[in-house]
Amino acid sequence: RLSCAASGRTFRSNAMGWFRQAPGKEREFVAAVNWSGSKT
């Protein structure tokens, strides 16, 4: 389980995402959640 701690006033109204990058490869999309957490 990975965690991301955020600081900033805009956190609650903004989408958040997880990306990953393997050696020699470009950063790729993994998962994202909308501002409210209702959509992924």
Full PDB file with SEQRES, HELIX, SHEET, SSBOND, CRYST1, ORIGX, SCALE, CONECT and MASTER records, all heavy atoms in Angstrom:
SEQRES   1 A   40  ARG LEU SER CYS ALA ALA SER GLY ARG THR PHE ARG SER          
SEQRES   2 A   40  ASN ALA MET GLY TRP PHE ARG GLN ALA PRO GLY LYS GLU          
SEQRES   3 A   40  ARG GLU PHE VAL ALA ALA VAL ASN TRP SER GLY SER LYS          
SEQRES   4 A   40  THR                                                          
HELIX    1 AA1 PHE A   11  SER A   13  5                                   3    
SHEET    1 AA1 2 MET A  16  ARG A  20  0                                        
SHEET    2 AA1 2 GLU A  28  VAL A  33 -1                                        
CRYST1    1.000    1.000    1.000  90.00  90.00  90.00 P 1           1          
ORIGX1      1.000000  0.000000  0.000000        0.00000                         
ORIGX2      0.000000  1.000000  0.000000        0.00000                         
ORIGX3      0.000000  0.000000  1.000000        0.00000                         
SCALE1      1.000000  0.000000  0.000000        0.00000                         
SCALE2      0.000000  1.000000  0.000000        0.00000                         
SCALE3      0.000000  0.000000  1.000000        0.00000                         
ATOM      1  N   ARG A   1       0.837  -1.187   0.000  1.00  0.00           N  
ATOM      2  CA  ARG A   1       0.000   0.000   0.000  1.00  0.00           C  
ATOM      3  C   ARG A   1       0.875   1.241   0.000  1.00  0.00           C  
ATOM      4  O   ARG A   1       1.695   1.434   0.901  1.00  0.00           O  
ATOM      5  CB  ARG A   1      -0.914   0.012   1.221  1.00  0.00           C  
ATOM      6  CG  ARG A   1      -1.922   1.167   1.227  1.00  0.00           C  
ATOM      7  CD  ARG A   1      -2.855   1.071   2.423  1.00  0.00           C  
ATOM      8  NE  ARG A   1      -3.831   2.153   2.476  1.00  0.00           N  
ATOM      9  CZ  ARG A   1      -4.995   2.140   1.857  1.00  0.00           C  
ATOM     10  NH1 ARG A   1      -5.360   1.089   1.135  1.00  0.00           N  
ATOM     11  NH2 ARG A   1      -5.821   3.182   1.954  1.00  0.00           N  
ATOM     12  N   LEU A   2       0.687   2.061  -1.004  1.00  0.00           N  
ATOM     13  CA  LEU A   2       1.411   3.311  -1.109  1.00  0.00           C  
ATOM     14  C   LEU A   2       0.536   4.448  -0.609  1.00  0.00           C  
ATOM     15  O   LEU A   2      -0.678   4.436  -0.784  1.00  0.00           O  
ATOM     16  CB  LEU A   2       1.818   3.592  -2.556  1.00  0.00           C  
ATOM     17  CG  LEU A   2       2.622   2.513  -3.277  1.00  0.00           C  
ATOM     18  CD1 LEU A   2       2.976   2.990  -4.678  1.00  0.00           C  
ATOM     19  CD2 LEU A   2       3.865   2.156  -2.491  1.00  0.00           C  
ATOM     20  N   SER A   3       1.170   5.416  -0.001  1.00  0.00           N  
ATOM     21  CA  SER A   3       0.450   6.574   0.487  1.00  0.00           C  
ATOM     22  C   SER A   3       1.086   7.839  -0.046  1.00  0.00           C  
ATOM     23  O   SER A   3       2.294   7.893  -0.279  1.00  0.00           O  
ATOM     24  CB  SER A   3       0.437   6.603   2.017  1.00  0.00           C  
ATOM     25  OG  SER A   3      -0.279   5.515   2.544  1.00  0.00           O  
ATOM     26  N   CYS A   4       0.277   8.837  -0.220  1.00  0.00           N  
ATOM     27  CA  CYS A   4       0.737  10.133  -0.678  1.00  0.00           C  
ATOM     28  C   CYS A   4       0.146  11.187   0.233  1.00  0.00           C  
ATOM     29  O   CYS A   4      -1.076  11.332   0.317  1.00  0.00           O  
ATOM     30  CB  CYS A   4       0.298  10.363  -2.127  1.00  0.00           C  
ATOM     31  SG  CYS A   4       0.665  12.013  -2.776  1.00  0.00           S  
ATOM     32  N   ALA A   5       1.013  11.892   0.913  1.00  0.00           N  
ATOM     33  CA  ALA A   5       0.579  12.960   1.796  1.00  0.00           C  
ATOM     34  C   ALA A   5       0.663  14.277   1.043  1.00  0.00           C  
ATOM     35  O   ALA A   5       1.708  14.614   0.485  1.00  0.00           O  
ATOM     36  CB  ALA A   5       1.442  13.002   3.044  1.00  0.00           C  
ATOM     37  N   ALA A   6      -0.427  14.997   1.022  1.00  0.00           N  
ATOM     38  CA  ALA A   6      -0.500  16.244   0.281  1.00  0.00           C  
ATOM     39  C   ALA A   6      -0.711  17.428   1.201  1.00  0.00           C  
ATOM     40  O   ALA A   6      -1.391  17.329   2.218  1.00  0.00           O  
ATOM     41  CB  ALA A   6      -1.632  16.197  -0.741  1.00  0.00           C  
ATOM     42  N   SER A   7      -0.134  18.526   0.805  1.00  0.00           N  
ATOM     43  CA  SER A   7      -0.349  19.771   1.522  1.00  0.00           C  
ATOM     44  C   SER A   7      -0.673  20.852   0.504  1.00  0.00           C  
ATOM     45  O   SER A   7      -0.055  20.924  -0.558  1.00  0.00           O  
ATOM     46  CB  SER A   7       0.878  20.159   2.346  1.00  0.00           C  
ATOM     47  OG  SER A   7       2.017  20.352   1.526  1.00  0.00           O  
ATOM     48  N   GLY A   8      -1.656  21.653   0.824  1.00  0.00           N  
ATOM     49  CA  GLY A   8      -2.082  22.692  -0.093  1.00  0.00           C  
ATOM     50  C   GLY A   8      -3.589  22.841  -0.082  1.00  0.00           C  
ATOM     51  O   GLY A   8      -4.315  21.852   0.081  1.00  0.00           O  
ATOM     52  N   ARG A   9      -4.047  24.025  -0.286  1.00  0.00           N  
ATOM     53  CA  ARG A   9      -5.476  24.313  -0.201  1.00  0.00           C  
ATOM     54  C   ARG A   9      -6.296  23.688  -1.321  1.00  0.00           C  
ATOM     55  O   ARG A   9      -7.505  23.512  -1.166  1.00  0.00           O  
ATOM     56  CB  ARG A   9      -5.690  25.830  -0.198  1.00  0.00           C  
ATOM     57  CG  ARG A   9      -5.146  26.539   1.022  1.00  0.00           C  
ATOM     58  CD  ARG A   9      -5.452  28.026   0.952  1.00  0.00           C  
ATOM     59  NE  ARG A   9      -4.901  28.740   2.096  1.00  0.00           N  
ATOM     60  CZ  ARG A   9      -5.508  28.848   3.268  1.00  0.00           C  
ATOM     61  NH1 ARG A   9      -6.698  28.287   3.455  1.00  0.00           N  
ATOM     62  NH2 ARG A   9      -4.926  29.519   4.252  1.00  0.00           N  
ATOM     63  N   THR A  10      -5.687  23.372  -2.436  1.00  0.00           N  
ATOM     64  CA  THR A  10      -6.435  22.865  -3.583  1.00  0.00           C  
ATOM     65  C   THR A  10      -6.673  21.365  -3.575  1.00  0.00           C  
ATOM     66  O   THR A  10      -7.372  20.843  -4.433  1.00  0.00           O  
ATOM     67  CB  THR A  10      -5.732  23.239  -4.899  1.00  0.00           C  
ATOM     68  OG1 THR A  10      -4.440  22.628  -4.945  1.00  0.00           O  
ATOM     69  CG2 THR A  10      -5.576  24.746  -5.022  1.00  0.00           C  
ATOM     70  N   PHE A  11      -6.108  20.655  -2.639  1.00  0.00           N  
ATOM     71  CA  PHE A  11      -6.191  19.201  -2.631  1.00  0.00           C  
ATOM     72  C   PHE A  11      -7.618  18.672  -2.732  1.00  0.00           C  
ATOM     73  O   PHE A  11      -7.894  17.744  -3.493  1.00  0.00           O  
ATOM     74  CB  PHE A  11      -5.511  18.636  -1.382  1.00  0.00           C  
ATOM     75  CG  PHE A  11      -5.615  17.146  -1.277  1.00  0.00           C  
ATOM     76  CD1 PHE A  11      -4.768  16.328  -2.005  1.00  0.00           C  
ATOM     77  CD2 PHE A  11      -6.571  16.564  -0.455  1.00  0.00           C  
ATOM     78  CE1 PHE A  11      -4.863  14.943  -1.914  1.00  0.00           C  
ATOM     79  CE2 PHE A  11      -6.671  15.181  -0.355  1.00  0.00           C  
ATOM     80  CZ  PHE A  11      -5.811  14.378  -1.093  1.00  0.00           C  
ATOM     81  N   ARG A  12      -8.510  19.234  -1.976  1.00  0.00           N  
ATOM     82  CA  ARG A  12      -9.879  18.714  -1.899  1.00  0.00           C  
ATOM     83  C   ARG A  12     -10.689  18.917  -3.167  1.00  0.00           C  
ATOM     84  O   ARG A  12     -11.752  18.311  -3.311  1.00  0.00           O  
ATOM     85  CB  ARG A  12     -10.604  19.335  -0.714  1.00  0.00           C  
ATOM     86  CG  ARG A  12     -10.047  18.922   0.642  1.00  0.00           C  
ATOM     87  CD  ARG A  12     -10.757  19.631   1.773  1.00  0.00           C  
ATOM     88  NE  ARG A  12     -10.287  19.189   3.076  1.00  0.00           N  
ATOM     89  CZ  ARG A  12      -9.185  19.626   3.658  1.00  0.00           C  
ATOM     90  NH1 ARG A  12      -8.429  20.534   3.046  1.00  0.00           N  
ATOM     91  NH2 ARG A  12      -8.830  19.166   4.850  1.00  0.00           N  
ATOM     92  N   SER A  13     -10.243  19.725  -4.085  1.00  0.00           N  
ATOM     93  CA  SER A  13     -10.997  20.008  -5.295  1.00  0.00           C  
ATOM     94  C   SER A  13     -10.284  19.570  -6.570  1.00  0.00           C  
ATOM     95  O   SER A  13     -10.705  19.933  -7.667  1.00  0.00           O  
ATOM     96  CB  SER A  13     -11.316  21.503  -5.376  1.00  0.00           C  
ATOM     97  OG  SER A  13     -10.132  22.276  -5.390  1.00  0.00           O  
ATOM     98  N   ASN A  14      -9.255  18.766  -6.433  1.00  0.00           N  
ATOM     99  CA  ASN A  14      -8.449  18.396  -7.587  1.00  0.00           C  
ATOM    100  C   ASN A  14      -8.249  16.897  -7.714  1.00  0.00           C  
ATOM    101  O   ASN A  14      -8.148  16.179  -6.728  1.00  0.00           O  
ATOM    102  CB  ASN A  14      -7.084  19.082  -7.520  1.00  0.00           C  
ATOM    103  CG  ASN A  14      -7.189  20.588  -7.550  1.00  0.00           C  
ATOM    104  OD1 ASN A  14      -7.440  21.224  -6.525  1.00  0.00           O  
ATOM    105  ND2 ASN A  14      -7.007  21.168  -8.730  1.00  0.00           N  
ATOM    106  N   ALA A  15      -8.175  16.468  -8.969  1.00  0.00           N  
ATOM    107  CA  ALA A  15      -7.900  15.068  -9.243  1.00  0.00           C  
ATOM    108  C   ALA A  15      -6.482  14.711  -8.815  1.00  0.00           C  
ATOM    109  O   ALA A  15      -5.576  15.542  -8.866  1.00  0.00           O  
ATOM    110  CB  ALA A  15      -8.087  14.778 -10.723  1.00  0.00           C  
ATOM    111  N   MET A  16      -6.311  13.466  -8.422  1.00  0.00           N  
ATOM    112  CA  MET A  16      -5.012  12.965  -8.022  1.00  0.00           C  
ATOM    113  C   MET A  16      -4.725  11.683  -8.791  1.00  0.00           C  
ATOM    114  O   MET A  16      -5.635  10.905  -9.079  1.00  0.00           O  
ATOM    115  CB  MET A  16      -4.975  12.678  -6.524  1.00  0.00           C  
ATOM    116  CG  MET A  16      -5.242  13.885  -5.642  1.00  0.00           C  
ATOM    117  SD  MET A  16      -3.893  15.093  -5.710  1.00  0.00           S  
ATOM    118  CE  MET A  16      -2.566  14.154  -4.936  1.00  0.00           C  
ATOM    119  N   GLY A  17      -3.480  11.475  -9.096  1.00  0.00           N  
ATOM    120  CA  GLY A  17      -3.131  10.293  -9.860  1.00  0.00           C  
ATOM    121  C   GLY A  17      -1.874   9.616  -9.362  1.00  0.00           C  
ATOM    122  O   GLY A  17      -1.063  10.205  -8.645  1.00  0.00           O  
ATOM    123  N   TRP A  18      -1.748   8.367  -9.733  1.00  0.00           N  
ATOM    124  CA  TRP A  18      -0.526   7.604  -9.508  1.00  0.00           C  
ATOM    125  C   TRP A  18       0.055   7.211 -10.858  1.00  0.00           C  
ATOM    126  O   TRP A  18      -0.662   6.721 -11.737  1.00  0.00           O  
ATOM    127  CB  TRP A  18      -0.797   6.342  -8.695  1.00  0.00           C  
ATOM    128  CG  TRP A  18      -0.994   6.577  -7.231  1.00  0.00           C  
ATOM    129  CD1 TRP A  18      -2.170   6.680  -6.566  1.00  0.00           C  
ATOM    130  CD2 TRP A  18       0.032   6.719  -6.248  1.00  0.00           C  
ATOM    131  NE1 TRP A  18      -1.954   6.875  -5.229  1.00  0.00           N  
ATOM    132  CE2 TRP A  18      -0.600   6.906  -5.002  1.00  0.00           C  
ATOM    133  CE3 TRP A  18       1.429   6.705  -6.298  1.00  0.00           C  
ATOM    134  CZ2 TRP A  18       0.106   7.080  -3.810  1.00  0.00           C  
ATOM    135  CZ3 TRP A  18       2.140   6.880  -5.116  1.00  0.00           C  
ATOM    136  CH2 TRP A  18       1.473   7.070  -3.896  1.00  0.00           C  
ATOM    137  N   PHE A  19       1.323   7.428 -11.010  1.00  0.00           N  
ATOM    138  CA  PHE A  19       2.055   7.052 -12.210  1.00  0.00           C  
ATOM    139  C   PHE A  19       3.265   6.238 -11.795  1.00  0.00           C  
ATOM    140  O   PHE A  19       3.672   6.263 -10.641  1.00  0.00           O  
ATOM    141  CB  PHE A  19       2.491   8.292 -12.991  1.00  0.00           C  
ATOM    142  CG  PHE A  19       1.356   9.075 -13.583  1.00  0.00           C  
ATOM    143  CD1 PHE A  19       0.577   9.913 -12.789  1.00  0.00           C  
ATOM    144  CD2 PHE A  19       1.056   8.974 -14.935  1.00  0.00           C  
ATOM    145  CE1 PHE A  19      -0.471  10.630 -13.316  1.00  0.00           C  
ATOM    146  CE2 PHE A  19       0.005   9.691 -15.484  1.00  0.00           C  
ATOM    147  CZ  PHE A  19      -0.759  10.516 -14.680  1.00  0.00           C  
ATOM    148  N   ARG A  20       3.840   5.546 -12.737  1.00  0.00           N  
ATOM    149  CA  ARG A  20       5.038   4.787 -12.435  1.00  0.00           C  
ATOM    150  C   ARG A  20       6.012   4.852 -13.597  1.00  0.00           C  
ATOM    151  O   ARG A  20       5.634   5.055 -14.741  1.00  0.00           O  
ATOM    152  CB  ARG A  20       4.703   3.328 -12.102  1.00  0.00           C  
ATOM    153  CG  ARG A  20       4.132   2.521 -13.268  1.00  0.00           C  
ATOM    154  CD  ARG A  20       3.665   1.157 -12.782  1.00  0.00           C  
ATOM    155  NE  ARG A  20       3.169   0.332 -13.866  1.00  0.00           N  
ATOM    156  CZ  ARG A  20       2.579  -0.840 -13.698  1.00  0.00           C  
ATOM    157  NH1 ARG A  20       2.414  -1.336 -12.467  1.00  0.00           N  
ATOM    158  NH2 ARG A  20       2.161  -1.541 -14.742  1.00  0.00           N  
ATOM    159  N   GLN A  21       7.262   4.659 -13.272  1.00  0.00           N  
ATOM    160  CA  GLN A  21       8.297   4.703 -14.286  1.00  0.00           C  
ATOM    161  C   GLN A  21       9.334   3.627 -13.994  1.00  0.00           C  
ATOM    162  O   GLN A  21       9.981   3.643 -12.949  1.00  0.00           O  
ATOM    163  CB  GLN A  21       8.963   6.077 -14.333  1.00  0.00           C  
ATOM    164  CG  GLN A  21       9.934   6.257 -15.475  1.00  0.00           C  
ATOM    165  CD  GLN A  21      10.332   7.710 -15.665  1.00  0.00           C  
ATOM    166  OE1 GLN A  21      10.192   8.537 -14.765  1.00  0.00           O  
ATOM    167  NE2 GLN A  21      10.815   8.031 -16.846  1.00  0.00           N  
ATOM    168  N   ALA A  22       9.468   2.708 -14.927  1.00  0.00           N  
ATOM    169  CA  ALA A  22      10.453   1.649 -14.827  1.00  0.00           C  
ATOM    170  C   ALA A  22      11.737   2.094 -15.514  1.00  0.00           C  
ATOM    171  O   ALA A  22      11.712   2.984 -16.373  1.00  0.00           O  
ATOM    172  CB  ALA A  22       9.920   0.374 -15.468  1.00  0.00           C  
ATOM    173  N   PRO A  23      12.861   1.497 -15.161  1.00  0.00           N  
ATOM    174  CA  PRO A  23      14.130   1.874 -15.786  1.00  0.00           C  
ATOM    175  C   PRO A  23      14.071   1.776 -17.304  1.00  0.00           C  
ATOM    176  O   PRO A  23      13.637   0.765 -17.854  1.00  0.00           O  
ATOM    177  CB  PRO A  23      15.118   0.863 -15.206  1.00  0.00           C  
ATOM    178  CG  PRO A  23      14.534   0.508 -13.877  1.00  0.00           C  
ATOM    179  CD  PRO A  23      13.050   0.474 -14.123  1.00  0.00           C  
ATOM    180  N   GLY A  24      14.487   2.831 -17.978  1.00  0.00           N  
ATOM    181  CA  GLY A  24      14.514   2.838 -19.423  1.00  0.00           C  
ATOM    182  C   GLY A  24      13.176   3.062 -20.091  1.00  0.00           C  
ATOM    183  O   GLY A  24      13.092   3.029 -21.321  1.00  0.00           O  
ATOM    184  N   LYS A  25      12.143   3.292 -19.310  1.00  0.00           N  
ATOM    185  CA  LYS A  25      10.817   3.498 -19.871  1.00  0.00           C  
ATOM    186  C   LYS A  25      10.259   4.853 -19.473  1.00  0.00           C  
ATOM    187  O   LYS A  25      10.713   5.474 -18.516  1.00  0.00           O  
ATOM    188  CB  LYS A  25       9.866   2.395 -19.413  1.00  0.00           C  
ATOM    189  CG  LYS A  25      10.239   1.003 -19.889  1.00  0.00           C  
ATOM    190  CD  LYS A  25       9.202  -0.014 -19.470  1.00  0.00           C  
ATOM    191  CE  LYS A  25       9.555  -1.397 -19.978  1.00  0.00           C  
ATOM    192  NZ  LYS A  25       8.531  -2.402 -19.571  1.00  0.00           N  
ATOM    193  N   GLU A  26       9.267   5.299 -20.220  1.00  0.00           N  
ATOM    194  CA  GLU A  26       8.615   6.560 -19.914  1.00  0.00           C  
ATOM    195  C   GLU A  26       7.641   6.383 -18.770  1.00  0.00           C  
ATOM    196  O   GLU A  26       7.154   5.287 -18.507  1.00  0.00           O  
ATOM    197  CB  GLU A  26       7.889   7.098 -21.145  1.00  0.00           C  
ATOM    198  CG  GLU A  26       8.801   7.479 -22.289  1.00  0.00           C  
ATOM    199  CD  GLU A  26       8.066   8.131 -23.437  1.00  0.00           C  
ATOM    200  OE1 GLU A  26       6.821   8.067 -23.456  1.00  0.00           O  
ATOM    201  OE2 GLU A  26       8.728   8.714 -24.304  1.00  0.00           O  
ATOM    202  N   ARG A  27       7.365   7.484 -18.113  1.00  0.00           N  
ATOM    203  CA  ARG A  27       6.401   7.454 -17.035  1.00  0.00           C  
ATOM    204  C   ARG A  27       5.017   7.126 -17.591  1.00  0.00           C  
ATOM    205  O   ARG A  27       4.590   7.690 -18.601  1.00  0.00           O  
ATOM    206  CB  ARG A  27       6.381   8.807 -16.332  1.00  0.00           C  
ATOM    207  CG  ARG A  27       5.645   8.810 -15.009  1.00  0.00           C  
ATOM    208  CD  ARG A  27       5.943  10.093 -14.229  1.00  0.00           C  
ATOM    209  NE  ARG A  27       7.359  10.219 -13.941  1.00  0.00           N  
ATOM    210  CZ  ARG A  27       7.881  11.191 -13.198  1.00  0.00           C  
ATOM    211  NH1 ARG A  27       7.096  12.114 -12.668  1.00  0.00           N  
ATOM    212  NH2 ARG A  27       9.187  11.236 -12.996  1.00  0.00           N  
ATOM    213  N   GLU A  28       4.317   6.207 -16.935  1.00  0.00           N  
ATOM    214  CA  GLU A  28       3.022   5.773 -17.420  1.00  0.00           C  
ATOM    215  C   GLU A  28       1.942   5.890 -16.355  1.00  0.00           C  
ATOM    216  O   GLU A  28       2.204   5.809 -15.157  1.00  0.00           O  
ATOM    217  CB  GLU A  28       3.088   4.328 -17.919  1.00  0.00           C  
ATOM    218  CG  GLU A  28       3.359   3.303 -16.838  1.00  0.00           C  
ATOM    219  CD  GLU A  28       3.299   1.874 -17.343  1.00  0.00           C  
ATOM    220  OE1 GLU A  28       3.036   1.679 -18.551  1.00  0.00           O  
ATOM    221  OE2 GLU A  28       3.509   0.944 -16.546  1.00  0.00           O  
ATOM    222  N   PHE A  29       0.745   6.048 -16.831  1.00  0.00           N  
ATOM    223  CA  PHE A  29      -0.415   6.166 -15.964  1.00  0.00           C  
ATOM    224  C   PHE A  29      -0.723   4.853 -15.276  1.00  0.00           C  
ATOM    225  O   PHE A  29      -0.639   3.786 -15.883  1.00  0.00           O  
ATOM    226  CB  PHE A  29      -1.620   6.611 -16.799  1.00  0.00           C  
ATOM    227  CG  PHE A  29      -2.926   6.538 -16.069  1.00  0.00           C  
ATOM    228  CD1 PHE A  29      -3.256   7.476 -15.102  1.00  0.00           C  
ATOM    229  CD2 PHE A  29      -3.834   5.530 -16.352  1.00  0.00           C  
ATOM    230  CE1 PHE A  29      -4.460   7.410 -14.432  1.00  0.00           C  
ATOM    231  CE2 PHE A  29      -5.038   5.452 -15.695  1.00  0.00           C  
ATOM    232  CZ  PHE A  29      -5.353   6.394 -14.731  1.00  0.00           C  
ATOM    233  N   VAL A  30      -1.096   4.943 -14.015  1.00  0.00           N  
ATOM    234  CA  VAL A  30      -1.478   3.766 -13.246  1.00  0.00           C  
ATOM    235  C   VAL A  30      -2.924   3.870 -12.791  1.00  0.00           C  
ATOM    236  O   VAL A  30      -3.748   3.009 -13.078  1.00  0.00           O  
ATOM    237  CB  VAL A  30      -0.570   3.569 -12.020  1.00  0.00           C  
ATOM    238  CG1 VAL A  30      -1.062   2.398 -11.175  1.00  0.00           C  
ATOM    239  CG2 VAL A  30       0.871   3.338 -12.457  1.00  0.00           C  
ATOM    240  N   ALA A  31      -3.233   4.930 -12.084  1.00  0.00           N  
ATOM    241  CA  ALA A  31      -4.576   5.108 -11.546  1.00  0.00           C  
ATOM    242  C   ALA A  31      -4.806   6.570 -11.210  1.00  0.00           C  
ATOM    243  O   ALA A  31      -3.863   7.328 -10.986  1.00  0.00           O  
ATOM    244  CB  ALA A  31      -4.779   4.246 -10.303  1.00  0.00           C  
ATOM    245  N   ALA A  32      -6.062   6.957 -11.179  1.00  0.00           N  
ATOM    246  CA  ALA A  32      -6.403   8.321 -10.814  1.00  0.00           C  
ATOM    247  C   ALA A  32      -7.767   8.350 -10.153  1.00  0.00           C  
ATOM    248  O   ALA A  32      -8.601   7.469 -10.368  1.00  0.00           O  
ATOM    249  CB  ALA A  32      -6.397   9.232 -12.037  1.00  0.00           C  
ATOM    250  N   VAL A  33      -7.991   9.369  -9.369  1.00  0.00           N  
ATOM    251  CA  VAL A  33      -9.258   9.560  -8.684  1.00  0.00           C  
ATOM    252  C   VAL A  33      -9.661  11.014  -8.822  1.00  0.00           C  
ATOM    253  O   VAL A  33      -8.814  11.907  -8.780  1.00  0.00           O  
ATOM    254  CB  VAL A  33      -9.150   9.135  -7.198  1.00  0.00           C  
ATOM    255  CG1 VAL A  33      -8.084   9.949  -6.474  1.00  0.00           C  
ATOM    256  CG2 VAL A  33     -10.492   9.267  -6.501  1.00  0.00           C  
ATOM    257  N   ASN A  34     -10.945  11.250  -9.011  1.00  0.00           N  
ATOM    258  CA  ASN A  34     -11.397  12.623  -9.177  1.00  0.00           C  
ATOM    259  C   ASN A  34     -11.397  13.372  -7.853  1.00  0.00           C  
ATOM    260  O   ASN A  34     -11.065  12.828  -6.806  1.00  0.00           O  
ATOM    261  CB  ASN A  34     -12.779  12.659  -9.842  1.00  0.00           C  
ATOM    262  CG  ASN A  34     -13.901  12.238  -8.899  1.00  0.00           C  
ATOM    263  OD1 ASN A  34     -13.693  11.501  -7.949  1.00  0.00           O  
ATOM    264  ND2 ASN A  34     -15.110  12.712  -9.186  1.00  0.00           N  
ATOM    265  N   TRP A  35     -11.799  14.626  -7.924  1.00  0.00           N  
ATOM    266  CA  TRP A  35     -11.706  15.507  -6.760  1.00  0.00           C  
ATOM    267  C   TRP A  35     -12.490  15.027  -5.549  1.00  0.00           C  
ATOM    268  O   TRP A  35     -12.075  15.273  -4.408  1.00  0.00           O  
ATOM    269  CB  TRP A  35     -12.164  16.914  -7.152  1.00  0.00           C  
ATOM    270  CG  TRP A  35     -13.586  16.973  -7.651  1.00  0.00           C  
ATOM    271  CD1 TRP A  35     -14.018  16.809  -8.931  1.00  0.00           C  
ATOM    272  CD2 TRP A  35     -14.752  17.206  -6.863  1.00  0.00           C  
ATOM    273  NE1 TRP A  35     -15.389  16.929  -8.989  1.00  0.00           N  
ATOM    274  CE2 TRP A  35     -15.859  17.176  -7.729  1.00  0.00           C  
ATOM    275  CE3 TRP A  35     -14.974  17.459  -5.499  1.00  0.00           C  
ATOM    276  CZ2 TRP A  35     -17.166  17.366  -7.286  1.00  0.00           C  
ATOM    277  CZ3 TRP A  35     -16.279  17.649  -5.057  1.00  0.00           C  
ATOM    278  CH2 TRP A  35     -17.351  17.602  -5.951  1.00  0.00           C  
ATOM    279  N   SER A  36     -13.605  14.367  -5.778  1.00  0.00           N  
ATOM    280  CA  SER A  36     -14.449  13.947  -4.667  1.00  0.00           C  
ATOM    281  C   SER A  36     -14.198  12.509  -4.220  1.00  0.00           C  
ATOM    282  O   SER A  36     -14.643  12.112  -3.146  1.00  0.00           O  
ATOM    283  CB  SER A  36     -15.919  14.091  -5.045  1.00  0.00           C  
ATOM    284  OG  SER A  36     -16.293  13.151  -6.037  1.00  0.00           O  
ATOM    285  N   GLY A  37     -13.501  11.746  -5.049  1.00  0.00           N  
ATOM    286  CA  GLY A  37     -13.289  10.346  -4.750  1.00  0.00           C  
ATOM    287  C   GLY A  37     -14.386   9.446  -5.275  1.00  0.00           C  
ATOM    288  O   GLY A  37     -14.363   8.236  -5.038  1.00  0.00           O  
ATOM    289  N   SER A  38     -15.337  10.015  -5.997  1.00  0.00           N  
ATOM    290  CA  SER A  38     -16.471   9.251  -6.499  1.00  0.00           C  
ATOM    291  C   SER A  38     -16.185   8.507  -7.798  1.00  0.00           C  
ATOM    292  O   SER A  38     -16.919   7.587  -8.155  1.00  0.00           O  
ATOM    293  CB  SER A  38     -17.681  10.169  -6.697  1.00  0.00           C  
ATOM    294  OG  SER A  38     -17.424  11.149  -7.682  1.00  0.00           O  
ATOM    295  N   LYS A  39     -15.146   8.902  -8.502  1.00  0.00           N  
ATOM    296  CA  LYS A  39     -14.799   8.268  -9.767  1.00  0.00           C  
ATOM    297  C   LYS A  39     -13.321   7.920  -9.792  1.00  0.00           C  
ATOM    298  O   LYS A  39     -12.480   8.666  -9.294  1.00  0.00           O  
ATOM    299  CB  LYS A  39     -15.135   9.173 -10.948  1.00  0.00           C  
ATOM    300  CG  LYS A  39     -16.619   9.470 -11.119  1.00  0.00           C  
ATOM    301  CD  LYS A  39     -16.907  10.191 -12.422  1.00  0.00           C  
ATOM    302  CE  LYS A  39     -16.290  11.572 -12.432  1.00  0.00           C  
ATOM    303  NZ  LYS A  39     -16.643  12.332 -13.676  1.00  0.00           N  
ATOM    304  N   THR A  40     -13.024   6.792 -10.408  1.00  0.00           N  
ATOM    305  CA  THR A  40     -11.642   6.355 -10.532  1.00  0.00           C  
ATOM    306  C   THR A  40     -11.366   5.874 -11.945  1.00  0.00           C  
ATOM    307  O   THR A  40     -12.279   5.560 -12.704  1.00  0.00           O  
ATOM    308  CB  THR A  40     -11.312   5.221  -9.547  1.00  0.00           C  
ATOM    309  OG1 THR A  40     -12.204   4.120  -9.772  1.00  0.00           O  
ATOM    310  CG2 THR A  40     -11.461   5.694  -8.107  1.00  0.00           C  
TER     311      THR A  40                                                      
MASTER        0    0    0    1    2    0    0    6  310    1    0    4          
END                                                                             
